[in-house]
Amino acid sequence: MRDRRIVLFLVAAVIIAGIAFFVHRRTAQTQAGAARDQHAAAGRPVPVVSGVVAKRDVPIYLDGLGSVAAFKTVTVRTQVDGRLDQVLFREGQHASIRGRSATSSTRQRARSPATRHSCRAPR
C-alpha cells in the first residue's frame, strides 16, 4: 500500500513537471518572438510628413479591455524658463530667423546670480 502511494506520487510529480516544462517553453518562445519583432521594428525609420491643419473631431473609436503601451515616445523640453509675457506674432504669420517671436519675464532670471550678468542689455 505504501509503495503504491509512492509510485502514484512520483507519476503525478512527473506529469506536473512535464506540464510546467511545456508551458514555460511555450511562454519563452512567445516572449522571444515578441522581443525579436520589437527589435526589428525599432530599427525601421519612422516617416514624418506634413499636412494641412484642420480643427475637427477625431473619428476613431476603439472598444476593448486591456492595457496600452506606447511604441515610441518623445520628450519635449523648453529652451526658456520663466513666464511668457508677450507673443509678438499671429497664428499663420511667417517668421524670420532673426526676428523676435516672444518676450519672457526677466524676474525669474534676475534672481539667479549666475544668469544676472548674461541678462543685462548691451551698453
PDB file of N, CA and C in Angstrom:
ATOM      1  N   MET A   1       0.819  -1.195   0.000  1.00  0.00           N
ATOM      2  CA  MET A   1       0.000   0.000   0.000  1.00  0.00           C
ATOM      3  C   MET A   1       0.860   1.254   0.000  1.00  0.00           C
ATOM      4  N   ARG A   2       1.896   1.232   0.814  1.00  0.00           N
ATOM      5  CA  ARG A   2       2.792   2.381   0.902  1.00  0.00           C
ATOM      6  C   ARG A   2       3.581   2.566  -0.393  1.00  0.00           C
ATOM      7  N   ASP A   3       4.022   1.475  -0.998  1.00  0.00           N
ATOM      8  CA  ASP A   3       4.755   1.548  -2.256  1.00  0.00           C
ATOM      9  C   ASP A   3       3.866   2.100  -3.383  1.00  0.00           C
ATOM     10  N   ARG A   4       2.601   1.755  -3.317  1.00  0.00           N
ATOM     11  CA  ARG A   4       1.666   2.217  -4.334  1.00  0.00           C
ATOM     12  C   ARG A   4       1.490   3.743  -4.244  1.00  0.00           C
ATOM     13  N   ARG A   5       1.419   4.276  -3.037  1.00  0.00           N
ATOM     14  CA  ARG A   5       1.306   5.723  -2.846  1.00  0.00           C
ATOM     15  C   ARG A   5       2.538   6.452  -3.370  1.00  0.00           C
ATOM     16  N   ILE A   6       3.700   5.887  -3.116  1.00  0.00           N
ATOM     17  CA  ILE A   6       4.942   6.495  -3.579  1.00  0.00           C
ATOM     18  C   ILE A   6       4.972   6.525  -5.111  1.00  0.00           C
ATOM     19  N   VAL A   7       4.567   5.450  -5.744  1.00  0.00           N
ATOM     20  CA  VAL A   7       4.556   5.372  -7.199  1.00  0.00           C
ATOM     21  C   VAL A   7       3.557   6.388  -7.765  1.00  0.00           C
ATOM     22  N   LEU A   8       2.360   6.490  -7.184  1.00  0.00           N
ATOM     23  CA  LEU A   8       1.369   7.466  -7.644  1.00  0.00           C
ATOM     24  C   LEU A   8       1.888   8.897  -7.459  1.00  0.00           C
ATOM     25  N   PHE A   9       2.546   9.150  -6.347  1.00  0.00           N
ATOM     26  CA  PHE A   9       3.116  10.473  -6.090  1.00  0.00           C
ATOM     27  C   PHE A   9       4.191  10.813  -7.133  1.00  0.00           C
ATOM     28  N   LEU A  10       5.070   9.865  -7.442  1.00  0.00           N
ATOM     29  CA  LEU A  10       6.108  10.098  -8.439  1.00  0.00           C
ATOM     30  C   LEU A  10       5.521  10.313  -9.831  1.00  0.00           C
ATOM     31  N   VAL A  11       4.506   9.549 -10.203  1.00  0.00           N
ATOM     32  CA  VAL A  11       3.864   9.717 -11.512  1.00  0.00           C
ATOM     33  C   VAL A  11       3.217  11.106 -11.591  1.00  0.00           C
ATOM     34  N   ALA A  12       2.528  11.527 -10.532  1.00  0.00           N
ATOM     35  CA  ALA A  12       1.898  12.854 -10.510  1.00  0.00           C
ATOM     36  C   ALA A  12       2.960  13.951 -10.592  1.00  0.00           C
ATOM     37  N   ALA A  13       4.077  13.781  -9.895  1.00  0.00           N
ATOM     38  CA  ALA A  13       5.150  14.779  -9.938  1.00  0.00           C
ATOM     39  C   ALA A  13       5.743  14.870 -11.338  1.00  0.00           C
ATOM     40  N   VAL A  14       5.925  13.761 -12.025  1.00  0.00           N
ATOM     41  CA  VAL A  14       6.467  13.758 -13.382  1.00  0.00           C
ATOM     42  C   VAL A  14       5.483  14.435 -14.341  1.00  0.00           C
ATOM     43  N   ILE A  15       4.195  14.166 -14.193  1.00  0.00           N
ATOM     44  CA  ILE A  15       3.186  14.794 -15.060  1.00  0.00           C
ATOM     45  C   ILE A  15       3.155  16.303 -14.836  1.00  0.00           C
ATOM     46  N   ILE A  16       3.176  16.735 -13.588  1.00  0.00           N
ATOM     47  CA  ILE A  16       3.168  18.166 -13.273  1.00  0.00           C
ATOM     48  C   ILE A  16       4.438  18.834 -13.792  1.00  0.00           C
ATOM     49  N   ALA A  17       5.585  18.188 -13.641  1.00  0.00           N
ATOM     50  CA  ALA A  17       6.842  18.749 -14.148  1.00  0.00           C
ATOM     51  C   ALA A  17       6.815  18.847 -15.674  1.00  0.00           C
ATOM     52  N   GLY A  18       6.234  17.856 -16.351  1.00  0.00           N
ATOM     53  CA  GLY A  18       6.132  17.898 -17.813  1.00  0.00           C
ATOM     54  C   GLY A  18       5.235  19.035 -18.284  1.00  0.00           C
ATOM     55  N   ILE A  19       4.112  19.211 -17.620  1.00  0.00           N
ATOM     56  CA  ILE A  19       3.216  20.317 -17.978  1.00  0.00           C
ATOM     57  C   ILE A  19       3.905  21.655 -17.752  1.00  0.00           C
ATOM     58  N   ALA A  20       4.577  21.803 -16.624  1.00  0.00           N
ATOM     59  CA  ALA A  20       5.282  23.058 -16.326  1.00  0.00           C
ATOM     60  C   ALA A  20       6.365  23.327 -17.372  1.00  0.00           C
ATOM     61  N   PHE A  21       7.080  22.286 -17.805  1.00  0.00           N
ATOM     62  CA  PHE A  21       8.124  22.442 -18.812  1.00  0.00           C
ATOM     63  C   PHE A  21       7.546  22.950 -20.130  1.00  0.00           C
ATOM     64  N   PHE A  22       6.452  22.345 -20.599  1.00  0.00           N
ATOM     65  CA  PHE A  22       5.864  22.750 -21.874  1.00  0.00           C
ATOM     66  C   PHE A  22       5.260  24.154 -21.806  1.00  0.00           C
ATOM     67  N   VAL A  23       4.666  24.520 -20.679  1.00  0.00           N
ATOM     68  CA  VAL A  23       4.119  25.874 -20.532  1.00  0.00           C
ATOM     69  C   VAL A  23       5.259  26.889 -20.522  1.00  0.00           C
ATOM     70  N   HIS A  24       6.322  26.597 -19.806  1.00  0.00           N
ATOM     71  CA  HIS A  24       7.470  27.509 -19.749  1.00  0.00           C
ATOM     72  C   HIS A  24       8.118  27.658 -21.132  1.00  0.00           C
ATOM     73  N   ARG A  25       8.251  26.564 -21.833  1.00  0.00           N
ATOM     74  CA  ARG A  25       8.872  26.588 -23.166  1.00  0.00           C
ATOM     75  C   ARG A  25       8.026  27.415 -24.142  1.00  0.00           C
ATOM     76  N   ARG A  26       6.713  27.239 -24.090  1.00  0.00           N
ATOM     77  CA  ARG A  26       5.828  27.978 -24.984  1.00  0.00           C
ATOM     78  C   ARG A  26       5.854  29.476 -24.648  1.00  0.00           C
ATOM     79  N   THR A  27       5.868  29.828 -23.379  1.00  0.00           N
ATOM     80  CA  THR A  27       5.929  31.224 -22.964  1.00  0.00           C
ATOM     81  C   THR A  27       7.250  31.855 -23.385  1.00  0.00           C
ATOM     82  N   ALA A  28       8.350  31.135 -23.240  1.00  0.00           N
ATOM     83  CA  ALA A  28       9.662  31.659 -23.617  1.00  0.00           C
ATOM     84  C   ALA A  28       9.729  31.903 -25.126  1.00  0.00           C
ATOM     85  N   GLN A  29       9.143  31.019 -25.923  1.00  0.00           N
ATOM     86  CA  GLN A  29       9.138  31.200 -27.377  1.00  0.00           C
ATOM     87  C   GLN A  29       8.300  32.415 -27.775  1.00  0.00           C
ATOM     88  N   THR A  30       7.175  32.617 -27.106  1.00  0.00           N
ATOM     89  CA  THR A  30       6.323  33.776 -27.396  1.00  0.00           C
ATOM     90  C   THR A  30       7.039  35.068 -27.041  1.00  0.00           C
ATOM     91  N   GLN A  31       7.697  35.102 -25.889  1.00  0.00           N
ATOM     92  CA  GLN A  31       8.423  36.297 -25.470  1.00  0.00           C
ATOM     93  C   GLN A  31       9.603  36.569 -26.395  1.00  0.00           C
ATOM     94  N   ALA A  32      10.291  35.529 -26.832  1.00  0.00           N
ATOM     95  CA  ALA A  32      11.425  35.717 -27.739  1.00  0.00           C
ATOM     96  C   ALA A  32      10.938  36.252 -29.091  1.00  0.00           C
ATOM     97  N   GLY A  33       9.804  35.775 -29.565  1.00  0.00           N
ATOM     98  CA  GLY A  33       9.249  36.272 -30.819  1.00  0.00           C
ATOM     99  C   GLY A  33       8.824  37.727 -30.715  1.00  0.00           C
ATOM    100  N   ALA A  34       8.224  38.097 -29.579  1.00  0.00           N
ATOM    101  CA  ALA A  34       7.813  39.495 -29.377  1.00  0.00           C
ATOM    102  C   ALA A  34       9.030  40.402 -29.273  1.00  0.00           C
ATOM    103  N   ALA A  35      10.075  39.957 -28.598  1.00  0.00           N
ATOM    104  CA  ALA A  35      11.299  40.760 -28.482  1.00  0.00           C
ATOM    105  C   ALA A  35      11.976  40.911 -29.839  1.00  0.00           C
ATOM    106  N   ARG A  36      11.955  39.866 -30.648  1.00  0.00           N
ATOM    107  CA  ARG A  36      12.548  39.918 -31.975  1.00  0.00           C
ATOM    108  C   ARG A  36      11.769  40.901 -32.869  1.00  0.00           C
ATOM    109  N   ASP A  37      10.433  40.861 -32.791  1.00  0.00           N
ATOM    110  CA  ASP A  37       9.612  41.795 -33.572  1.00  0.00           C
ATOM    111  C   ASP A  37       9.835  43.230 -33.123  1.00  0.00           C
ATOM    112  N   GLN A  38       9.938  43.456 -31.819  1.00  0.00           N
ATOM    113  CA  GLN A  38      10.153  44.803 -31.299  1.00  0.00           C
ATOM    114  C   GLN A  38      11.526  45.328 -31.711  1.00  0.00           C
ATOM    115  N   HIS A  39      12.531  44.483 -31.687  1.00  0.00           N
ATOM    116  CA  HIS A  39      13.881  44.899 -32.090  1.00  0.00           C
ATOM    117  C   HIS A  39      13.911  45.237 -33.584  1.00  0.00           C
ATOM    118  N   ALA A  40      13.222  44.448 -34.393  1.00  0.00           N
ATOM    119  CA  ALA A  40      13.183  44.723 -35.828  1.00  0.00           C
ATOM    120  C   ALA A  40      12.424  46.020 -36.113  1.00  0.00           C
ATOM    121  N   ALA A  41      11.367  46.277 -35.362  1.00  0.00           N
ATOM    122  CA  ALA A  41      10.581  47.496 -35.568  1.00  0.00           C
ATOM    123  C   ALA A  41      11.340  48.732 -35.096  1.00  0.00           C
ATOM    124  N   ALA A  42      12.182  48.597 -34.101  1.00  0.00           N
ATOM    125  CA  ALA A  42      12.926  49.750 -33.580  1.00  0.00           C
ATOM    126  C   ALA A  42      13.955  50.241 -34.595  1.00  0.00           C
ATOM    127  N   GLY A  43      14.423  49.383 -35.469  1.00  0.00           N
ATOM    128  CA  GLY A  43      15.428  49.772 -36.447  1.00  0.00           C
ATOM    129  C   GLY A  43      14.853  50.478 -37.665  1.00  0.00           C
ATOM    130  N   ARG A  44      13.545  50.347 -37.887  1.00  0.00           N
ATOM    131  CA  ARG A  44      12.936  50.974 -39.052  1.00  0.00           C
ATOM    132  C   ARG A  44      12.771  52.474 -38.827  1.00  0.00           C
ATOM    133  N   PRO A  45      12.968  53.272 -39.861  1.00  0.00           N
ATOM    134  CA  PRO A  45      12.737  54.712 -39.711  1.00  0.00           C
ATOM    135  C   PRO A  45      11.242  55.007 -39.622  1.00  0.00           C
ATOM    136  N   VAL A  46      10.902  56.042 -38.871  1.00  0.00           N
ATOM    137  CA  VAL A  46       9.520  56.457 -38.729  1.00  0.00           C
ATOM    138  C   VAL A  46       9.287  57.620 -39.693  1.00  0.00           C
ATOM    139  N   PRO A  47       8.365  57.489 -40.639  1.00  0.00           N
ATOM    140  CA  PRO A  47       8.148  58.570 -41.597  1.00  0.00           C
ATOM    141  C   PRO A  47       7.458  59.761 -40.933  1.00  0.00           C
ATOM    142  N   VAL A  48       7.896  60.961 -41.297  1.00  0.00           N
ATOM    143  CA  VAL A  48       7.298  62.197 -40.809  1.00  0.00           C
ATOM    144  C   VAL A  48       6.855  62.989 -42.028  1.00  0.00           C
ATOM    145  N   VAL A  49       5.572  63.296 -42.078  1.00  0.00           N
ATOM    146  CA  VAL A  49       5.028  64.032 -43.209  1.00  0.00           C
ATOM    147  C   VAL A  49       4.292  65.253 -42.695  1.00  0.00           C
ATOM    148  N   SER A  50       4.151  66.239 -43.572  1.00  0.00           N
ATOM    149  CA  SER A  50       3.402  67.436 -43.205  1.00  0.00           C
ATOM    150  C   SER A  50       1.987  67.319 -43.735  1.00  0.00           C
ATOM    151  N   GLY A  51       1.092  68.098 -43.142  1.00  0.00           N
ATOM    152  CA  GLY A  51      -0.290  68.063 -43.579  1.00  0.00           C
ATOM    153  C   GLY A  51      -0.950  69.397 -43.334  1.00  0.00           C
ATOM    154  N   VAL A  52      -2.163  69.513 -43.803  1.00  0.00           N
ATOM    155  CA  VAL A  52      -2.937  70.734 -43.631  1.00  0.00           C
ATOM    156  C   VAL A  52      -3.613  70.679 -42.264  1.00  0.00           C
ATOM    157  N   VAL A  53      -3.553  71.783 -41.533  1.00  0.00           N
ATOM    158  CA  VAL A  53      -4.134  71.838 -40.205  1.00  0.00           C
ATOM    159  C   VAL A  53      -5.634  72.041 -40.320  1.00  0.00           C
ATOM    160  N   ALA A  54      -6.392  71.261 -39.568  1.00  0.00           N
ATOM    161  CA  ALA A  54      -7.844  71.403 -39.536  1.00  0.00           C
ATOM    162  C   ALA A  54      -8.329  71.111 -38.126  1.00  0.00           C
ATOM    163  N   LYS A  55      -9.286  71.912 -37.672  1.00  0.00           N
ATOM    164  CA  LYS A  55      -9.840  71.714 -36.346  1.00  0.00           C
ATOM    165  C   LYS A  55     -11.119  70.894 -36.489  1.00  0.00           C
ATOM    166  N   ARG A  56     -11.100  69.646 -35.991  1.00  0.00           N
ATOM    167  CA  ARG A  56     -12.254  68.765 -36.079  1.00  0.00           C
ATOM    168  C   ARG A  56     -12.090  67.624 -35.101  1.00  0.00           C
ATOM    169  N   ASP A  57     -13.139  66.871 -34.909  1.00  0.00           N
ATOM    170  CA  ASP A  57     -13.098  65.709 -34.037  1.00  0.00           C
ATOM    171  C   ASP A  57     -12.345  64.569 -34.720  1.00  0.00           C
ATOM    172  N   VAL A  58     -11.734  63.737 -33.933  1.00  0.00           N
ATOM    173  CA  VAL A  58     -11.035  62.577 -34.467  1.00  0.00           C
ATOM    174  C   VAL A  58     -12.025  61.413 -34.484  1.00  0.00           C
ATOM    175  N   PRO A  59     -12.362  60.900 -35.670  1.00  0.00           N
ATOM    176  CA  PRO A  59     -13.408  59.875 -35.754  1.00  0.00           C
ATOM    177  C   PRO A  59     -12.900  58.452 -35.529  1.00  0.00           C
ATOM    178  N   ILE A  60     -12.166  58.244 -34.462  1.00  0.00           N
ATOM    179  CA  ILE A  60     -11.656  56.901 -34.181  1.00  0.00           C
ATOM    180  C   ILE A  60     -12.176  56.478 -32.810  1.00  0.00           C
ATOM    181  N   TYR A  61     -12.876  55.369 -32.772  1.00  0.00           N
ATOM    182  CA  TYR A  61     -13.397  54.839 -31.530  1.00  0.00           C
ATOM    183  C   TYR A  61     -12.921  53.397 -31.399  1.00  0.00           C
ATOM    184  N   LEU A  62     -12.308  53.091 -30.294  1.00  0.00           N
ATOM    185  CA  LEU A  62     -11.820  51.737 -30.055  1.00  0.00           C
ATOM    186  C   LEU A  62     -12.461  51.192 -28.789  1.00  0.00           C
ATOM    187  N   ASP A  63     -13.030  50.033 -28.876  1.00  0.00           N
ATOM    188  CA  ASP A  63     -13.586  49.370 -27.714  1.00  0.00           C
ATOM    189  C   ASP A  63     -12.692  48.192 -27.378  1.00  0.00           C
ATOM    190  N   GLY A  64     -12.363  48.065 -26.116  1.00  0.00           N
ATOM    191  CA  GLY A  64     -11.525  46.951 -25.726  1.00  0.00           C
ATOM    192  C   GLY A  64     -11.213  46.993 -24.257  1.00  0.00           C
ATOM    193  N   LEU A  65     -10.640  45.938 -23.808  1.00  0.00           N
ATOM    194  CA  LEU A  65     -10.262  45.809 -22.413  1.00  0.00           C
ATOM    195  C   LEU A  65      -8.805  45.387 -22.372  1.00  0.00           C
ATOM    196  N   GLY A  66      -8.003  46.093 -21.621  1.00  0.00           N
ATOM    197  CA  GLY A  66      -6.591  45.730 -21.524  1.00  0.00           C
ATOM    198  C   GLY A  66      -5.747  46.951 -21.263  1.00  0.00           C
ATOM    199  N   SER A  67      -4.487  46.838 -21.554  1.00  0.00           N
ATOM    200  CA  SER A  67      -3.566  47.949 -21.336  1.00  0.00           C
ATOM    201  C   SER A  67      -2.918  48.331 -22.665  1.00  0.00           C
ATOM    202  N   VAL A  68      -2.472  49.581 -22.721  1.00  0.00           N
ATOM    203  CA  VAL A  68      -1.858  50.108 -23.935  1.00  0.00           C
ATOM    204  C   VAL A  68      -0.485  50.635 -23.569  1.00  0.00           C
ATOM    205  N   ALA A  69       0.505  50.346 -24.383  1.00  0.00           N
ATOM    206  CA  ALA A  69       1.865  50.845 -24.174  1.00  0.00           C
ATOM    207  C   ALA A  69       2.313  51.558 -25.446  1.00  0.00           C
ATOM    208  N   ALA A  70       2.962  52.691 -25.279  1.00  0.00           N
ATOM    209  CA  ALA A  70       3.443  53.464 -26.421  1.00  0.00           C
ATOM    210  C   ALA A  70       4.594  52.735 -27.092  1.00  0.00           C
ATOM    211  N   PHE A  71       4.603  52.746 -28.414  1.00  0.00           N
ATOM    212  CA  PHE A  71       5.673  52.095 -29.157  1.00  0.00           C
ATOM    213  C   PHE A  71       6.926  52.962 -29.146  1.00  0.00           C
ATOM    214  N   LYS A  72       6.751  54.262 -29.366  1.00  0.00           N
ATOM    215  CA  LYS A  72       7.861  55.206 -29.299  1.00  0.00           C
ATOM    216  C   LYS A  72       7.384  56.429 -28.540  1.00  0.00           C
ATOM    217  N   THR A  73       8.272  57.047 -27.781  1.00  0.00           N
ATOM    218  CA  THR A  73       7.920  58.229 -27.011  1.00  0.00           C
ATOM    219  C   THR A  73       8.892  59.360 -27.316  1.00  0.00           C
ATOM    220  N   VAL A  74       8.468  60.569 -27.035  1.00  0.00           N
ATOM    221  CA  VAL A  74       9.273  61.756 -27.278  1.00  0.00           C
ATOM    222  C   VAL A  74       9.217  62.620 -26.030  1.00  0.00           C
ATOM    223  N   THR A  75      10.345  63.192 -25.640  1.00  0.00           N
ATOM    224  CA  THR A  75      10.389  64.134 -24.535  1.00  0.00           C
ATOM    225  C   THR A  75      10.651  65.519 -25.106  1.00  0.00           C
ATOM    226  N   VAL A  76       9.755  66.450 -24.817  1.00  0.00           N
ATOM    227  CA  VAL A  76       9.886  67.815 -25.305  1.00  0.00           C
ATOM    228  C   VAL A  76      10.275  68.692 -24.128  1.00  0.00           C
ATOM    229  N   ARG A  77      11.373  69.411 -24.267  1.00  0.00           N
ATOM    230  CA  ARG A  77      11.855  70.293 -23.205  1.00  0.00           C
ATOM    231  C   ARG A  77      11.905  71.719 -23.720  1.00  0.00           C
ATOM    232  N   THR A  78      11.583  72.659 -22.856  1.00  0.00           N
ATOM    233  CA  THR A  78      11.620  74.053 -23.251  1.00  0.00           C
ATOM    234  C   THR A  78      13.049  74.572 -23.211  1.00  0.00           C
ATOM    235  N   GLN A  79      13.320  75.590 -24.010  1.00  0.00           N
ATOM    236  CA  GLN A  79      14.640  76.209 -24.004  1.00  0.00           C
ATOM    237  C   GLN A  79      14.680  77.418 -23.092  1.00  0.00           C
ATOM    238  N   VAL A  80      13.534  77.977 -22.774  1.00  0.00           N
ATOM    239  CA  VAL A  80      13.452  79.167 -21.942  1.00  0.00           C
ATOM    240  C   VAL A  80      12.639  78.826 -20.712  1.00  0.00           C
ATOM    241  N   ASP A  81      13.113  79.267 -19.560  1.00  0.00           N
ATOM    242  CA  ASP A  81      12.410  79.031 -18.319  1.00  0.00           C
ATOM    243  C   ASP A  81      11.841  80.361 -17.836  1.00  0.00           C
ATOM    244  N   GLY A  82      10.624  80.405 -17.440  1.00  0.00           N
ATOM    245  CA  GLY A  82      10.023  81.625 -16.933  1.00  0.00           C
ATOM    246  C   GLY A  82       8.645  81.846 -17.512  1.00  0.00           C
ATOM    247  N   ARG A  83       8.050  82.971 -17.155  1.00  0.00           N
ATOM    248  CA  ARG A  83       6.702  83.317 -17.589  1.00  0.00           C
ATOM    249  C   ARG A  83       6.737  83.996 -18.954  1.00  0.00           C
ATOM    250  N   LEU A  84       5.830  83.626 -19.848  1.00  0.00           N
ATOM    251  CA  LEU A  84       5.735  84.239 -21.161  1.00  0.00           C
ATOM    252  C   LEU A  84       4.893  85.506 -21.023  1.00  0.00           C
ATOM    253  N   ASP A  85       5.492  86.667 -21.305  1.00  0.00           N
ATOM    254  CA  ASP A  85       4.802  87.933 -21.141  1.00  0.00           C
ATOM    255  C   ASP A  85       4.048  88.360 -22.388  1.00  0.00           C
ATOM    256  N   GLN A  86       4.656  88.213 -23.556  1.00  0.00           N
ATOM    257  CA  GLN A  86       4.052  88.755 -24.763  1.00  0.00           C
ATOM    258  C   GLN A  86       4.432  87.884 -25.957  1.00  0.00           C
ATOM    259  N   VAL A  87       3.441  87.603 -26.805  1.00  0.00           N
ATOM    260  CA  VAL A  87       3.676  86.873 -28.050  1.00  0.00           C
ATOM    261  C   VAL A  87       3.638  87.904 -29.170  1.00  0.00           C
ATOM    262  N   LEU A  88       4.700  87.958 -29.980  1.00  0.00           N
ATOM    263  CA  LEU A  88       4.864  89.006 -30.982  1.00  0.00           C
ATOM    264  C   LEU A  88       4.548  88.546 -32.409  1.00  0.00           C
ATOM    265  N   PHE A  89       3.711  87.520 -32.561  1.00  0.00           N
ATOM    266  CA  PHE A  89       3.319  87.075 -33.892  1.00  0.00           C
ATOM    267  C   PHE A  89       1.892  86.565 -33.827  1.00  0.00           C
ATOM    268  N   ARG A  90       1.271  86.451 -34.997  1.00  0.00           N
ATOM    269  CA  ARG A  90      -0.079  85.927 -35.086  1.00  0.00           C
ATOM    270  C   ARG A  90      -0.033  84.523 -35.678  1.00  0.00           C
ATOM    271  N   GLU A  91      -1.066  83.772 -35.431  1.00  0.00           N
ATOM    272  CA  GLU A  91      -1.131  82.414 -35.953  1.00  0.00           C
ATOM    273  C   GLU A  91      -1.149  82.450 -37.477  1.00  0.00           C
ATOM    274  N   GLY A  92      -0.268  81.671 -38.092  1.00  0.00           N
ATOM    275  CA  GLY A  92      -0.173  81.600 -39.541  1.00  0.00           C
ATOM    276  C   GLY A  92       0.790  82.595 -40.152  1.00  0.00           C
ATOM    277  N   GLN A  93       1.307  83.509 -39.346  1.00  0.00           N
ATOM    278  CA  GLN A  93       2.235  84.517 -39.855  1.00  0.00           C
ATOM    279  C   GLN A  93       3.596  83.888 -40.089  1.00  0.00           C
ATOM    280  N   HIS A  94       4.263  84.281 -41.182  1.00  0.00           N
ATOM    281  CA  HIS A  94       5.605  83.774 -41.456  1.00  0.00           C
ATOM    282  C   HIS A  94       6.588  84.430 -40.494  1.00  0.00           C
ATOM    283  N   ALA A  95       7.529  83.654 -39.990  1.00  0.00           N
ATOM    284  CA  ALA A  95       8.504  84.163 -39.034  1.00  0.00           C
ATOM    285  C   ALA A  95       9.892  84.117 -39.657  1.00  0.00           C
ATOM    286  N   SER A  96      10.724  85.072 -39.266  1.00  0.00           N
ATOM    287  CA  SER A  96      12.102  85.081 -39.754  1.00  0.00           C
ATOM    288  C   SER A  96      13.004  84.515 -38.666  1.00  0.00           C
ATOM    289  N   ILE A  97      14.185  84.134 -39.054  1.00  0.00           N
ATOM    290  CA  ILE A  97      15.120  83.533 -38.109  1.00  0.00           C
ATOM    291  C   ILE A  97      15.597  84.556 -37.082  1.00  0.00           C
ATOM    292  N   ARG A  98      15.877  85.747 -37.496  1.00  0.00           N
ATOM    293  CA  ARG A  98      16.438  86.774 -36.618  1.00  0.00           C
ATOM    294  C   ARG A  98      15.371  87.545 -35.835  1.00  0.00           C
ATOM    295  N   GLY A  99      14.109  87.470 -36.219  1.00  0.00           N
ATOM    296  CA  GLY A  99      13.063  88.249 -35.580  1.00  0.00           C
ATOM    297  C   GLY A  99      12.694  87.708 -34.204  1.00  0.00           C
ATOM    298  N   ARG A 100      12.182  88.594 -33.358  1.00  0.00           N
ATOM    299  CA  ARG A 100      11.724  88.195 -32.035  1.00  0.00           C
ATOM    300  C   ARG A 100      10.319  87.626 -32.156  1.00  0.00           C
ATOM    301  N   SER A 101      10.057  86.548 -31.460  1.00  0.00           N
ATOM    302  CA  SER A 101       8.738  85.943 -31.519  1.00  0.00           C
ATOM    303  C   SER A 101       7.980  86.091 -30.211  1.00  0.00           C
ATOM    304  N   ALA A 102       8.688  86.294 -29.087  1.00  0.00           N
ATOM    305  CA  ALA A 102       8.022  86.416 -27.793  1.00  0.00           C
ATOM    306  C   ALA A 102       8.967  87.072 -26.803  1.00  0.00           C
ATOM    307  N   THR A 103       8.391  87.583 -25.723  1.00  0.00           N
ATOM    308  CA  THR A 103       9.196  88.112 -24.614  1.00  0.00           C
ATOM    309  C   THR A 103       8.808  87.355 -23.363  1.00  0.00           C
ATOM    310  N   SER A 104       9.780  87.103 -22.527  1.00  0.00           N
ATOM    311  CA  SER A 104       9.509  86.382 -21.286  1.00  0.00           C
ATOM    312  C   SER A 104       9.888  87.252 -20.102  1.00  0.00           C
ATOM    313  N   SER A 105       9.438  86.823 -18.958  1.00  0.00           N
ATOM    314  CA  SER A 105       9.671  87.577 -17.738  1.00  0.00           C
ATOM    315  C   SER A 105      11.142  87.535 -17.358  1.00  0.00           C
ATOM    316  N   THR A 106      11.698  88.692 -17.001  1.00  0.00           N
ATOM    317  CA  THR A 106      13.103  88.738 -16.572  1.00  0.00           C
ATOM    318  C   THR A 106      13.223  88.589 -15.070  1.00  0.00           C
ATOM    319  N   ARG A 107      12.102  88.590 -14.354  1.00  0.00           N
ATOM    320  CA  ARG A 107      12.159  88.453 -12.895  1.00  0.00           C
ATOM    321  C   ARG A 107      12.770  87.125 -12.481  1.00  0.00           C
ATOM    322  N   GLN A 108      12.425  86.071 -13.165  1.00  0.00           N
ATOM    323  CA  GLN A 108      12.944  84.743 -12.809  1.00  0.00           C
ATOM    324  C   GLN A 108      14.456  84.681 -13.031  1.00  0.00           C
ATOM    325  N   ARG A 109      14.942  85.242 -14.131  1.00  0.00           N
ATOM    326  CA  ARG A 109      16.368  85.184 -14.440  1.00  0.00           C
ATOM    327  C   ARG A 109      17.169  86.111 -13.543  1.00  0.00           C
ATOM    328  N   ALA A 110      16.593  87.241 -13.108  1.00  0.00           N
ATOM    329  CA  ALA A 110      17.336  88.200 -12.311  1.00  0.00           C
ATOM    330  C   ALA A 110      17.613  87.683 -10.907  1.00  0.00           C
ATOM    331  N   ARG A 111      16.886  86.689 -10.442  1.00  0.00           N
ATOM    332  CA  ARG A 111      17.103  86.149  -9.105  1.00  0.00           C
ATOM    333  C   ARG A 111      18.405  85.366  -9.009  1.00  0.00           C
ATOM    334  N   SER A 112      18.789  84.738 -10.074  1.00  0.00           N
ATOM    335  CA  SER A 112      19.980  83.901 -10.055  1.00  0.00           C
ATOM    336  C   SER A 112      21.230  84.732 -10.319  1.00  0.00           C
ATOM    337  N   PRO A 113      22.234  84.682  -9.411  1.00  0.00           N
ATOM    338  CA  PRO A 113      23.451  85.471  -9.638  1.00  0.00           C
ATOM    339  C   PRO A 113      24.230  84.999 -10.862  1.00  0.00           C
ATOM    340  N   ALA A 114      24.117  83.737 -11.217  1.00  0.00           N
ATOM    341  CA  ALA A 114      24.881  83.215 -12.361  1.00  0.00           C
ATOM    342  C   ALA A 114      24.346  83.782 -13.667  1.00  0.00           C
ATOM    343  N   THR A 115      23.030  84.012 -13.764  1.00  0.00           N
ATOM    344  CA  THR A 115      22.459  84.498 -15.006  1.00  0.00           C
ATOM    345  C   THR A 115      22.236  86.010 -14.998  1.00  0.00           C
ATOM    346  N   ARG A 116      22.469  86.668 -13.890  1.00  0.00           N
ATOM    347  CA  ARG A 116      22.233  88.114 -13.793  1.00  0.00           C
ATOM    348  C   ARG A 116      23.094  88.876 -14.802  1.00  0.00           C
ATOM    349  N   HIS A 117      24.365  88.478 -14.966  1.00  0.00           N
ATOM    350  CA  HIS A 117      25.246  89.176 -15.868  1.00  0.00           C
ATOM    351  C   HIS A 117      24.905  88.917 -17.326  1.00  0.00           C
ATOM    352  N   SER A 118      24.415  87.721 -17.638  1.00  0.00           N
ATOM    353  CA  SER A 118      24.086  87.406 -19.025  1.00  0.00           C
ATOM    354  C   SER A 118      22.758  87.998 -19.472  1.00  0.00           C
ATOM    355  N   CYS A 119      21.929  88.487 -18.529  1.00  0.00           N
ATOM    356  CA  CYS A 119      20.619  89.044 -18.871  1.00  0.00           C
ATOM    357  C   CYS A 119      20.657  90.548 -19.091  1.00  0.00           C
ATOM    358  N   ARG A 120      21.753  91.180 -18.833  1.00  0.00           N
ATOM    359  CA  ARG A 120      21.831  92.628 -18.984  1.00  0.00           C
ATOM    360  C   ARG A 120      21.824  93.020 -20.455  1.00  0.00           C
ATOM    361  N   ALA A 121      21.213  94.139 -20.714  1.00  0.00           N
ATOM    362  CA  ALA A 121      21.192  94.661 -22.084  1.00  0.00           C
ATOM    363  C   ALA A 121      22.555  95.249 -22.417  1.00  0.00           C
ATOM    364  N   PRO A 122      22.989  95.176 -23.665  1.00  0.00           N
ATOM    365  CA  PRO A 122      24.280  95.716 -24.040  1.00  0.00           C
ATOM    366  C   PRO A 122      24.270  97.244 -23.926  1.00  0.00           C
ATOM    367  N   ARG A 123      25.393  97.831 -23.503  1.00  0.00           N
ATOM    368  CA  ARG A 123      25.503  99.286 -23.317  1.00  0.00           C
ATOM    369  C   ARG A 123      26.195  99.943 -24.469  1.00  0.00           C
TER     370      ARG A 123
END
